[in-house]
Amino acid sequence: MSQNLTMSPDLGTEDWDPDVITRMIFIGPGAHVSEQEIVTAFHMLDLPLTVKNTCYGSMISGKSEDVYEAIKEIRKLDPNHIFTKERGFAPGDPRRCRGHRFGPREGFHQMEKEYRILGFVANALEERKDVELEDKKPVSVDEFKKVMNECLDKEE
């Protein structure tokens, strides 16, 4: 079993390429697309990507320009419910793949927590409200002195 937990697995040249990135694609609650539809849409783009279907959406890996182009196109399917997040390891990397680690990977429970708030984020995106911020000005020294003197007078 320890061979599966090695810290220096044999990685391909793509794993060492700094321009190759991996992004996790999350399908938020209330989405109008399924994980399978997202994966199919990625494949239909015909970009040189590695695509993996996951329980939360999918994972894509490839040259950064291809990955970002794919994300831009996929988000058009349901812009308020498709979210992305960087992942430091390629799909199937034995250092993180739960199939090699025999249990949930590090960070899975963090993803679970993040997933719970995606519905609120989607709702905020769908029901945008204009907000005006009040520009607060600092209290002038004269005003501060006046208030302090009033307080001191009340104590006496």
N, C-alpha and C. Protein backbone atom coordinates (compact mmCIF):
# COMPACT_ATOMS: atom_id res chain seq x y z
N MET A 1 0.83 -1.20 0.00
CA MET A 1 0.00 0.00 0.00
C MET A 1 0.86 1.26 0.00
N SER A 2 2.03 1.23 0.61
CA SER A 2 2.85 2.44 0.69
C SER A 2 3.30 2.94 -0.68
N GLN A 3 3.40 2.05 -1.67
CA GLN A 3 3.79 2.50 -3.00
C GLN A 3 2.77 3.48 -3.57
N ASN A 4 1.52 3.43 -3.14
CA ASN A 4 0.50 4.35 -3.63
C ASN A 4 0.58 5.71 -2.95
N LEU A 5 1.30 5.81 -1.86
CA LEU A 5 1.37 7.06 -1.12
C LEU A 5 2.73 7.75 -1.30
N THR A 6 3.49 7.34 -2.28
CA THR A 6 4.80 7.91 -2.48
C THR A 6 4.72 9.41 -2.76
N MET A 7 5.71 10.15 -2.32
CA MET A 7 5.74 11.59 -2.53
C MET A 7 6.36 11.96 -3.88
N SER A 8 6.99 11.01 -4.58
CA SER A 8 7.59 11.33 -5.86
C SER A 8 7.18 10.31 -6.91
N PRO A 9 5.93 10.35 -7.33
CA PRO A 9 5.48 9.40 -8.35
C PRO A 9 6.09 9.73 -9.70
N ASP A 10 6.05 8.78 -10.60
CA ASP A 10 6.53 9.03 -11.96
C ASP A 10 5.49 9.89 -12.67
N LEU A 11 5.84 11.14 -12.91
CA LEU A 11 4.93 12.05 -13.57
C LEU A 11 5.38 12.25 -15.00
N GLY A 12 4.41 12.49 -15.89
CA GLY A 12 4.71 12.75 -17.28
C GLY A 12 5.25 14.16 -17.47
N THR A 13 5.74 14.44 -18.67
CA THR A 13 6.30 15.77 -18.94
C THR A 13 5.23 16.85 -18.82
N GLU A 14 3.96 16.51 -19.11
CA GLU A 14 2.89 17.50 -18.99
C GLU A 14 2.74 17.97 -17.54
N ASP A 15 3.01 17.06 -16.58
CA ASP A 15 2.88 17.42 -15.18
C ASP A 15 3.92 18.44 -14.73
N TRP A 16 5.01 18.56 -15.46
CA TRP A 16 6.06 19.51 -15.10
C TRP A 16 5.98 20.79 -15.92
N ASP A 17 5.09 20.87 -16.89
CA ASP A 17 4.95 22.04 -17.74
C ASP A 17 4.24 23.14 -16.97
N PRO A 18 4.87 24.30 -16.77
CA PRO A 18 4.24 25.37 -15.98
C PRO A 18 3.01 25.98 -16.65
N ASP A 19 2.84 25.76 -17.96
CA ASP A 19 1.69 26.32 -18.65
C ASP A 19 0.47 25.39 -18.60
N VAL A 20 0.65 24.20 -18.07
CA VAL A 20 -0.47 23.26 -17.94
C VAL A 20 -1.12 23.47 -16.59
N ILE A 21 -2.42 23.71 -16.61
CA ILE A 21 -3.16 23.95 -15.37
C ILE A 21 -4.34 22.99 -15.28
N THR A 22 -4.84 22.85 -14.08
CA THR A 22 -6.03 22.03 -13.84
C THR A 22 -7.03 22.87 -13.09
N ARG A 23 -8.27 22.86 -13.54
CA ARG A 23 -9.35 23.60 -12.88
C ARG A 23 -10.48 22.63 -12.55
N MET A 24 -11.07 22.83 -11.40
CA MET A 24 -12.25 22.07 -11.00
C MET A 24 -13.46 22.90 -11.40
N ILE A 25 -14.44 22.26 -12.00
CA ILE A 25 -15.66 22.92 -12.43
C ILE A 25 -16.78 22.44 -11.52
N PHE A 26 -17.36 23.35 -10.75
CA PHE A 26 -18.43 23.00 -9.82
C PHE A 26 -19.78 23.38 -10.42
N ILE A 27 -20.72 22.47 -10.33
CA ILE A 27 -22.09 22.74 -10.73
C ILE A 27 -22.83 23.08 -9.44
N GLY A 28 -23.27 24.31 -9.30
CA GLY A 28 -23.92 24.74 -8.07
C GLY A 28 -25.33 24.20 -7.94
N PRO A 29 -25.88 24.24 -6.73
CA PRO A 29 -27.26 23.81 -6.52
C PRO A 29 -28.22 24.63 -7.38
N GLY A 30 -29.24 24.00 -7.90
CA GLY A 30 -30.21 24.70 -8.73
C GLY A 30 -29.75 24.91 -10.16
N ALA A 31 -28.67 24.27 -10.54
CA ALA A 31 -28.16 24.44 -11.91
C ALA A 31 -29.13 23.84 -12.92
N HIS A 32 -29.06 24.37 -14.13
CA HIS A 32 -29.93 23.91 -15.20
C HIS A 32 -29.20 22.94 -16.13
N VAL A 33 -28.01 22.50 -15.72
CA VAL A 33 -27.22 21.52 -16.48
C VAL A 33 -26.72 20.47 -15.51
N SER A 34 -26.40 19.30 -16.05
CA SER A 34 -25.88 18.21 -15.21
C SER A 34 -24.37 18.09 -15.41
N GLU A 35 -23.75 17.30 -14.55
CA GLU A 35 -22.32 17.05 -14.68
C GLU A 35 -22.00 16.43 -16.04
N GLN A 36 -22.83 15.50 -16.47
CA GLN A 36 -22.59 14.82 -17.74
C GLN A 36 -22.72 15.78 -18.92
N GLU A 37 -23.68 16.71 -18.85
CA GLU A 37 -23.82 17.69 -19.93
C GLU A 37 -22.58 18.58 -20.03
N ILE A 38 -22.01 18.92 -18.88
CA ILE A 38 -20.80 19.75 -18.86
C ILE A 38 -19.63 18.99 -19.51
N VAL A 39 -19.46 17.74 -19.12
CA VAL A 39 -18.37 16.93 -19.68
C VAL A 39 -18.54 16.75 -21.18
N THR A 40 -19.76 16.48 -21.61
CA THR A 40 -20.03 16.33 -23.05
C THR A 40 -19.73 17.64 -23.78
N ALA A 41 -20.12 18.75 -23.20
CA ALA A 41 -19.85 20.05 -23.82
C ALA A 41 -18.35 20.32 -23.93
N PHE A 42 -17.59 19.93 -22.90
CA PHE A 42 -16.13 20.08 -22.97
C PHE A 42 -15.57 19.28 -24.15
N HIS A 43 -16.04 18.05 -24.29
CA HIS A 43 -15.54 17.21 -25.39
C HIS A 43 -15.93 17.78 -26.74
N MET A 44 -17.11 18.37 -26.85
CA MET A 44 -17.58 18.93 -28.12
C MET A 44 -16.77 20.15 -28.55
N LEU A 45 -16.07 20.79 -27.60
CA LEU A 45 -15.24 21.95 -27.95
C LEU A 45 -14.02 21.54 -28.76
N ASP A 46 -13.67 20.26 -28.71
CA ASP A 46 -12.54 19.72 -29.48
C ASP A 46 -11.24 20.46 -29.18
N LEU A 47 -11.02 20.76 -27.90
CA LEU A 47 -9.77 21.37 -27.46
C LEU A 47 -8.88 20.28 -26.87
N PRO A 48 -7.57 20.45 -26.91
CA PRO A 48 -6.67 19.42 -26.36
C PRO A 48 -6.66 19.46 -24.82
N LEU A 49 -7.69 18.91 -24.22
CA LEU A 49 -7.84 18.93 -22.76
C LEU A 49 -8.03 17.52 -22.23
N THR A 50 -7.65 17.33 -20.99
CA THR A 50 -8.02 16.12 -20.27
C THR A 50 -9.24 16.48 -19.46
N VAL A 51 -10.32 15.74 -19.63
CA VAL A 51 -11.58 16.04 -18.95
C VAL A 51 -11.97 14.84 -18.11
N LYS A 52 -12.32 15.10 -16.86
CA LYS A 52 -12.74 14.02 -15.95
C LYS A 52 -14.07 14.40 -15.32
N ASN A 53 -15.02 13.50 -15.38
CA ASN A 53 -16.31 13.70 -14.74
C ASN A 53 -16.14 13.46 -13.24
N THR A 54 -16.71 14.32 -12.41
CA THR A 54 -16.61 14.17 -10.96
C THR A 54 -18.00 14.30 -10.33
N CYS A 55 -18.06 14.04 -9.04
CA CYS A 55 -19.34 14.14 -8.34
C CYS A 55 -19.82 15.58 -8.21
N TYR A 56 -18.93 16.55 -8.30
CA TYR A 56 -19.31 17.96 -8.16
C TYR A 56 -19.39 18.68 -9.49
N GLY A 57 -19.00 18.04 -10.58
CA GLY A 57 -19.00 18.66 -11.90
C GLY A 57 -18.00 17.98 -12.79
N SER A 58 -16.83 18.60 -12.93
CA SER A 58 -15.77 17.99 -13.72
C SER A 58 -14.44 18.64 -13.37
N MET A 59 -13.40 18.07 -13.96
CA MET A 59 -12.07 18.59 -13.79
C MET A 59 -11.46 18.63 -15.19
N ILE A 60 -10.80 19.74 -15.53
CA ILE A 60 -10.15 19.81 -16.84
C ILE A 60 -8.71 20.22 -16.65
N SER A 61 -7.88 19.69 -17.51
CA SER A 61 -6.45 19.96 -17.45
C SER A 61 -5.93 20.16 -18.86
N GLY A 62 -5.02 21.10 -19.02
CA GLY A 62 -4.42 21.37 -20.33
C GLY A 62 -3.68 22.69 -20.30
N LYS A 63 -3.28 23.15 -21.47
CA LYS A 63 -2.61 24.45 -21.55
C LYS A 63 -3.58 25.53 -21.06
N SER A 64 -3.05 26.50 -20.34
CA SER A 64 -3.92 27.49 -19.70
C SER A 64 -4.85 28.19 -20.68
N GLU A 65 -4.36 28.54 -21.87
CA GLU A 65 -5.24 29.24 -22.83
C GLU A 65 -6.40 28.36 -23.26
N ASP A 66 -6.16 27.06 -23.41
CA ASP A 66 -7.24 26.14 -23.79
C ASP A 66 -8.23 25.95 -22.64
N VAL A 67 -7.70 25.85 -21.43
CA VAL A 67 -8.56 25.66 -20.25
C VAL A 67 -9.47 26.87 -20.08
N TYR A 68 -8.91 28.07 -20.15
CA TYR A 68 -9.72 29.27 -19.95
C TYR A 68 -10.72 29.48 -21.09
N GLU A 69 -10.36 29.11 -22.29
CA GLU A 69 -11.30 29.19 -23.42
C GLU A 69 -12.46 28.24 -23.19
N ALA A 70 -12.15 27.02 -22.74
CA ALA A 70 -13.20 26.03 -22.47
C ALA A 70 -14.13 26.50 -21.36
N ILE A 71 -13.58 27.06 -20.31
CA ILE A 71 -14.39 27.55 -19.19
C ILE A 71 -15.31 28.67 -19.66
N LYS A 72 -14.77 29.57 -20.47
CA LYS A 72 -15.58 30.68 -21.00
C LYS A 72 -16.78 30.14 -21.77
N GLU A 73 -16.55 29.13 -22.59
CA GLU A 73 -17.64 28.56 -23.38
C GLU A 73 -18.64 27.78 -22.52
N ILE A 74 -18.15 27.01 -21.58
CA ILE A 74 -19.01 26.18 -20.74
C ILE A 74 -19.89 27.05 -19.84
N ARG A 75 -19.34 28.14 -19.32
CA ARG A 75 -20.13 28.99 -18.43
C ARG A 75 -21.32 29.61 -19.14
N LYS A 76 -21.29 29.66 -20.46
CA LYS A 76 -22.43 30.18 -21.21
C LYS A 76 -23.67 29.30 -21.04
N LEU A 77 -23.46 28.02 -20.70
CA LEU A 77 -24.59 27.10 -20.52
C LEU A 77 -25.46 27.49 -19.32
N ASP A 78 -24.83 27.97 -18.27
CA ASP A 78 -25.55 28.35 -17.04
C ASP A 78 -24.63 29.24 -16.21
N PRO A 79 -24.47 30.51 -16.61
CA PRO A 79 -23.45 31.37 -16.02
C PRO A 79 -23.54 31.59 -14.52
N ASN A 80 -24.72 31.50 -13.95
CA ASN A 80 -24.86 31.76 -12.52
C ASN A 80 -24.69 30.52 -11.64
N HIS A 81 -24.51 29.36 -12.26
CA HIS A 81 -24.41 28.13 -11.47
C HIS A 81 -23.17 27.31 -11.77
N ILE A 82 -22.29 27.80 -12.63
CA ILE A 82 -21.06 27.08 -12.94
C ILE A 82 -19.89 27.89 -12.37
N PHE A 83 -19.14 27.25 -11.49
CA PHE A 83 -18.04 27.91 -10.79
C PHE A 83 -16.75 27.13 -11.03
N THR A 84 -15.62 27.80 -10.97
CA THR A 84 -14.34 27.12 -11.16
C THR A 84 -13.39 27.45 -10.03
N LYS A 85 -12.44 26.55 -9.87
CA LYS A 85 -11.44 26.71 -8.82
C LYS A 85 -10.18 25.99 -9.28
N GLU A 86 -9.03 26.58 -9.01
CA GLU A 86 -7.77 25.96 -9.41
C GLU A 86 -7.50 24.71 -8.58
N ARG A 87 -6.89 23.73 -9.21
CA ARG A 87 -6.46 22.51 -8.53
C ARG A 87 -4.99 22.33 -8.83
N GLY A 88 -4.22 22.02 -7.84
CA GLY A 88 -2.77 21.91 -8.01
C GLY A 88 -2.29 20.63 -8.64
N PHE A 89 -3.17 19.67 -8.84
CA PHE A 89 -2.76 18.37 -9.36
C PHE A 89 -3.65 17.97 -10.52
N ALA A 90 -3.06 17.31 -11.50
CA ALA A 90 -3.81 16.85 -12.67
C ALA A 90 -4.77 15.73 -12.28
N PRO A 91 -5.82 15.53 -13.08
CA PRO A 91 -6.74 14.41 -12.79
C PRO A 91 -5.97 13.09 -12.76
N GLY A 92 -6.26 12.28 -11.74
CA GLY A 92 -5.62 10.97 -11.62
C GLY A 92 -4.24 10.98 -11.01
N ASP A 93 -3.73 12.14 -10.62
CA ASP A 93 -2.40 12.21 -10.00
C ASP A 93 -2.41 11.33 -8.75
N PRO A 94 -1.52 10.36 -8.65
CA PRO A 94 -1.57 9.43 -7.52
C PRO A 94 -1.34 10.08 -6.16
N ARG A 95 -0.80 11.29 -6.14
CA ARG A 95 -0.61 11.96 -4.85
C ARG A 95 -1.92 12.48 -4.27
N ARG A 96 -2.94 12.66 -5.12
CA ARG A 96 -4.21 13.21 -4.65
C ARG A 96 -5.42 12.37 -5.00
N CYS A 97 -5.33 11.51 -5.98
CA CYS A 97 -6.47 10.72 -6.43
C CYS A 97 -6.92 9.78 -5.31
N ARG A 98 -8.19 9.86 -4.94
CA ARG A 98 -8.66 9.03 -3.84
C ARG A 98 -8.63 7.55 -4.16
N GLY A 99 -8.60 7.21 -5.45
CA GLY A 99 -8.48 5.82 -5.85
C GLY A 99 -7.14 5.22 -5.44
N HIS A 100 -6.12 6.06 -5.35
CA HIS A 100 -4.80 5.62 -4.92
C HIS A 100 -4.60 5.82 -3.43
N ARG A 101 -5.37 6.70 -2.83
CA ARG A 101 -5.15 7.06 -1.42
C ARG A 101 -6.10 6.31 -0.48
N PHE A 102 -7.09 5.61 -1.00
CA PHE A 102 -8.01 4.81 -0.19
C PHE A 102 -8.82 5.65 0.78
N GLY A 103 -9.45 6.68 0.31
CA GLY A 103 -10.32 7.51 1.14
C GLY A 103 -10.38 8.90 0.58
N PRO A 104 -11.14 9.78 1.23
CA PRO A 104 -11.26 11.14 0.70
C PRO A 104 -9.91 11.86 0.70
N ARG A 105 -9.68 12.64 -0.33
CA ARG A 105 -8.41 13.36 -0.42
C ARG A 105 -8.45 14.59 0.46
N GLU A 106 -7.25 15.12 0.73
CA GLU A 106 -7.19 16.37 1.49
C GLU A 106 -7.94 17.44 0.70
N GLY A 107 -8.66 18.27 1.38
CA GLY A 107 -9.39 19.33 0.72
C GLY A 107 -10.82 18.97 0.35
N PHE A 108 -11.17 17.68 0.41
CA PHE A 108 -12.53 17.30 0.03
C PHE A 108 -13.55 17.94 0.97
N HIS A 109 -13.25 17.96 2.25
CA HIS A 109 -14.21 18.51 3.20
C HIS A 109 -14.32 20.03 3.05
N GLN A 110 -13.24 20.68 2.63
CA GLN A 110 -13.29 22.11 2.33
C GLN A 110 -14.21 22.35 1.13
N MET A 111 -14.09 21.50 0.10
CA MET A 111 -14.97 21.62 -1.08
C MET A 111 -16.42 21.44 -0.67
N GLU A 112 -16.68 20.53 0.24
CA GLU A 112 -18.04 20.30 0.72
C GLU A 112 -18.61 21.57 1.33
N LYS A 113 -17.81 22.23 2.16
CA LYS A 113 -18.25 23.49 2.79
C LYS A 113 -18.49 24.57 1.73
N GLU A 114 -17.59 24.69 0.79
CA GLU A 114 -17.73 25.70 -0.26
C GLU A 114 -18.97 25.44 -1.10
N TYR A 115 -19.24 24.18 -1.38
CA TYR A 115 -20.40 23.83 -2.20
C TYR A 115 -21.69 24.31 -1.54
N ARG A 116 -21.74 24.25 -0.22
CA ARG A 116 -22.96 24.65 0.50
C ARG A 116 -23.31 26.12 0.30
N ILE A 117 -22.34 26.96 0.05
CA ILE A 117 -22.64 28.39 -0.13
C ILE A 117 -22.86 28.78 -1.59
N LEU A 118 -22.59 27.87 -2.52
CA LEU A 118 -22.74 28.21 -3.94
C LEU A 118 -24.17 28.61 -4.30
N GLY A 119 -25.16 28.02 -3.63
CA GLY A 119 -26.55 28.40 -3.88
C GLY A 119 -26.80 29.86 -3.56
N PHE A 120 -26.19 30.34 -2.47
CA PHE A 120 -26.33 31.75 -2.09
C PHE A 120 -25.63 32.65 -3.11
N VAL A 121 -24.46 32.22 -3.58
CA VAL A 121 -23.73 33.00 -4.58
C VAL A 121 -24.54 33.08 -5.87
N ALA A 122 -25.10 31.94 -6.30
CA ALA A 122 -25.92 31.91 -7.51
C ALA A 122 -27.13 32.82 -7.37
N ASN A 123 -27.76 32.79 -6.21
CA ASN A 123 -28.91 33.64 -5.94
C ASN A 123 -28.53 35.12 -6.03
N ALA A 124 -27.39 35.47 -5.47
CA ALA A 124 -26.93 36.86 -5.53
C ALA A 124 -26.63 37.28 -6.97
N LEU A 125 -26.11 36.36 -7.77
CA LEU A 125 -25.83 36.67 -9.18
C LEU A 125 -27.12 36.86 -9.97
N GLU A 126 -28.14 36.05 -9.65
CA GLU A 126 -29.41 36.12 -10.38
C GLU A 126 -30.25 37.32 -9.97
N GLU A 127 -30.18 37.69 -8.72
CA GLU A 127 -31.01 38.79 -8.21
C GLU A 127 -30.14 39.96 -7.77
N ARG A 128 -29.40 40.47 -8.71
CA ARG A 128 -28.49 41.58 -8.40
C ARG A 128 -29.27 42.81 -7.97
N LYS A 129 -28.72 43.50 -7.02
CA LYS A 129 -29.34 44.73 -6.53
C LYS A 129 -28.31 45.84 -6.55
N ASP A 130 -28.75 47.00 -6.96
CA ASP A 130 -27.87 48.15 -6.92
C ASP A 130 -27.69 48.58 -5.47
N VAL A 131 -26.48 48.85 -5.13
CA VAL A 131 -26.17 49.24 -3.76
C VAL A 131 -25.39 50.54 -3.82
N GLU A 132 -25.80 51.47 -2.98
CA GLU A 132 -25.06 52.72 -2.89
C GLU A 132 -24.40 52.77 -1.54
N LEU A 133 -23.12 53.03 -1.57
CA LEU A 133 -22.36 53.11 -0.33
C LEU A 133 -22.29 54.55 0.14
N GLU A 134 -22.48 54.70 1.41
CA GLU A 134 -22.37 56.04 1.99
C GLU A 134 -20.90 56.32 2.21
N ASP A 135 -20.43 57.42 1.66
CA ASP A 135 -19.03 57.79 1.81
C ASP A 135 -18.85 58.43 3.18
N LYS A 136 -18.28 57.66 4.08
CA LYS A 136 -18.10 58.16 5.45
C LYS A 136 -16.88 59.07 5.51
N LYS A 137 -17.06 60.19 6.21
CA LYS A 137 -15.98 61.14 6.36
C LYS A 137 -15.48 61.09 7.80
N PRO A 138 -14.20 61.27 7.98
CA PRO A 138 -13.68 61.26 9.34
C PRO A 138 -14.20 62.46 10.14
N VAL A 139 -14.28 62.27 11.43
CA VAL A 139 -14.73 63.35 12.32
C VAL A 139 -13.61 64.38 12.39
N SER A 140 -13.99 65.63 12.25
CA SER A 140 -12.97 66.69 12.31
C SER A 140 -12.46 66.83 13.75
N VAL A 141 -11.30 67.38 13.88
CA VAL A 141 -10.69 67.56 15.20
C VAL A 141 -11.57 68.49 16.05
N ASP A 142 -12.10 69.54 15.45
CA ASP A 142 -12.95 70.48 16.19
C ASP A 142 -14.21 69.79 16.70
N GLU A 143 -14.84 68.96 15.85
CA GLU A 143 -16.04 68.22 16.26
C GLU A 143 -15.70 67.25 17.40
N PHE A 144 -14.56 66.57 17.27
CA PHE A 144 -14.13 65.62 18.30
C PHE A 144 -13.93 66.34 19.65
N LYS A 145 -13.27 67.50 19.61
CA LYS A 145 -13.04 68.27 20.84
C LYS A 145 -14.37 68.68 21.47
N LYS A 146 -15.30 69.12 20.65
CA LYS A 146 -16.62 69.55 21.14
C LYS A 146 -17.32 68.40 21.86
N VAL A 147 -17.34 67.22 21.23
CA VAL A 147 -18.00 66.05 21.83
C VAL A 147 -17.29 65.66 23.13
N MET A 148 -15.98 65.66 23.12
CA MET A 148 -15.23 65.29 24.32
C MET A 148 -15.50 66.27 25.46
N ASN A 149 -15.54 67.55 25.14
CA ASN A 149 -15.80 68.56 26.18
C ASN A 149 -17.21 68.39 26.75
N GLU A 150 -18.18 68.06 25.87
CA GLU A 150 -19.55 67.82 26.36
C GLU A 150 -19.60 66.63 27.30
N CYS A 151 -18.88 65.59 26.95
CA CYS A 151 -18.84 64.38 27.80
C CYS A 151 -18.17 64.67 29.14
N LEU A 152 -17.10 65.44 29.09
CA LEU A 152 -16.39 65.77 30.32
C LEU A 152 -17.25 66.68 31.22
N ASP A 153 -18.00 67.60 30.59
CA ASP A 153 -18.87 68.48 31.35
C ASP A 153 -19.97 67.68 32.04
N LYS A 154 -20.49 66.63 31.40
CA LYS A 154 -21.54 65.82 31.98
C LYS A 154 -21.02 65.02 33.18
N GLU A 155 -19.77 64.63 33.16
CA GLU A 155 -19.20 63.85 34.26
C GLU A 155 -19.01 64.69 35.50
N GLU A 156 -18.77 65.95 35.32
CA GLU A 156 -18.52 66.82 36.47
C GLU A 156 -19.77 67.21 37.15
